[in-house]
């Protein structure tokens, strides 16, 4: 399992505290981030434990960075 950090931000440039969680794949991490989402129309960011951003969801679409 890989450790990811999930952030829900008001916009892409916001700085917020992240939540650490484990997932078997990036797809599972995206599902977990969607389930943990509290507000609508926010930016979801998933990063590795090192801080490297893996995927960002803006305007309803996931954009992988690799």
Protein backbone atom coordinates (compact mmCIF):
# COMPACT_ATOMS: atom_id res chain seq x y z
CA UNK A 1 0.00 0.00 0.00
CA UNK A 2 1.13 3.50 -0.78
CA UNK A 3 0.78 6.44 1.60
CA UNK A 4 -0.88 9.50 0.05
CA UNK A 5 -1.76 12.96 1.31
CA UNK A 6 -5.19 14.36 0.43
CA UNK A 7 -5.95 18.09 0.46
CA UNK A 8 -9.23 19.89 -0.18
CA UNK A 9 -8.53 23.47 -1.19
CA UNK A 10 -10.68 26.46 -2.04
CA UNK A 11 -8.48 27.07 -5.10
CA UNK A 12 -5.30 25.57 -6.55
CA UNK A 13 -3.04 28.10 -4.77
CA UNK A 14 -4.52 27.69 -1.27
CA UNK A 15 -2.33 26.23 1.47
CA UNK A 16 -4.12 23.79 3.76
CA UNK A 17 -3.24 20.93 6.09
CA UNK A 18 -3.32 17.55 4.37
CA UNK A 19 -4.71 14.22 5.59
CA UNK A 20 -2.54 11.10 5.32
CA UNK A 21 -4.10 7.82 4.21
CA UNK A 22 -3.08 4.54 2.57
CA UNK A 23 -4.45 3.14 -0.68
CA UNK A 24 -3.58 0.23 -2.96
CA UNK A 25 -3.61 2.33 -6.14
CA UNK A 26 -4.05 5.87 -7.39
CA UNK A 27 -7.61 4.99 -8.46
CA UNK A 28 -8.41 3.87 -4.91
CA UNK A 29 -6.82 7.06 -3.57
CA UNK A 30 -9.05 9.15 -5.85
CA UNK A 31 -12.14 7.30 -4.59
CA UNK A 32 -11.08 7.86 -0.98
CA UNK A 33 -10.51 11.57 -1.66
CA UNK A 34 -13.97 11.89 -3.20
CA UNK A 35 -15.50 10.19 -0.16
CA UNK A 36 -13.63 12.49 2.22
CA UNK A 37 -14.64 15.65 0.34
CA UNK A 38 -16.66 18.03 2.51
CA UNK A 39 -17.47 20.95 0.20
CA UNK A 40 -18.60 21.20 -3.41
CA UNK A 41 -16.58 23.02 -6.09
CA UNK A 42 -13.26 22.69 -4.28
CA UNK A 43 -9.93 21.54 -5.64
CA UNK A 44 -8.85 18.06 -4.53
CA UNK A 45 -5.13 17.30 -4.50
CA UNK A 46 -3.48 13.91 -3.98
CA UNK A 47 0.26 13.77 -3.31
CA UNK A 48 2.78 11.15 -2.29
CA UNK A 49 4.09 11.20 1.27
CA UNK A 50 7.14 13.09 -0.04
CA UNK A 51 4.92 15.98 -1.15
CA UNK A 52 5.09 15.25 -4.89
CA UNK A 53 1.65 15.97 -6.36
CA UNK A 54 0.22 12.97 -8.19
CA UNK A 55 -3.25 14.13 -9.24
CA UNK A 56 -5.48 17.20 -9.00
CA UNK A 57 -9.25 17.40 -9.48
CA UNK A 58 -10.42 20.74 -10.83
CA UNK A 59 -13.89 21.42 -12.24
CA UNK A 60 -14.93 17.79 -11.89
CA UNK A 61 -12.01 16.22 -13.79
CA UNK A 62 -8.92 14.46 -12.44
CA UNK A 63 -5.63 15.58 -14.01
CA UNK A 64 -2.70 13.23 -13.34
CA UNK A 65 0.70 14.91 -13.23
CA UNK A 66 2.82 12.02 -14.55
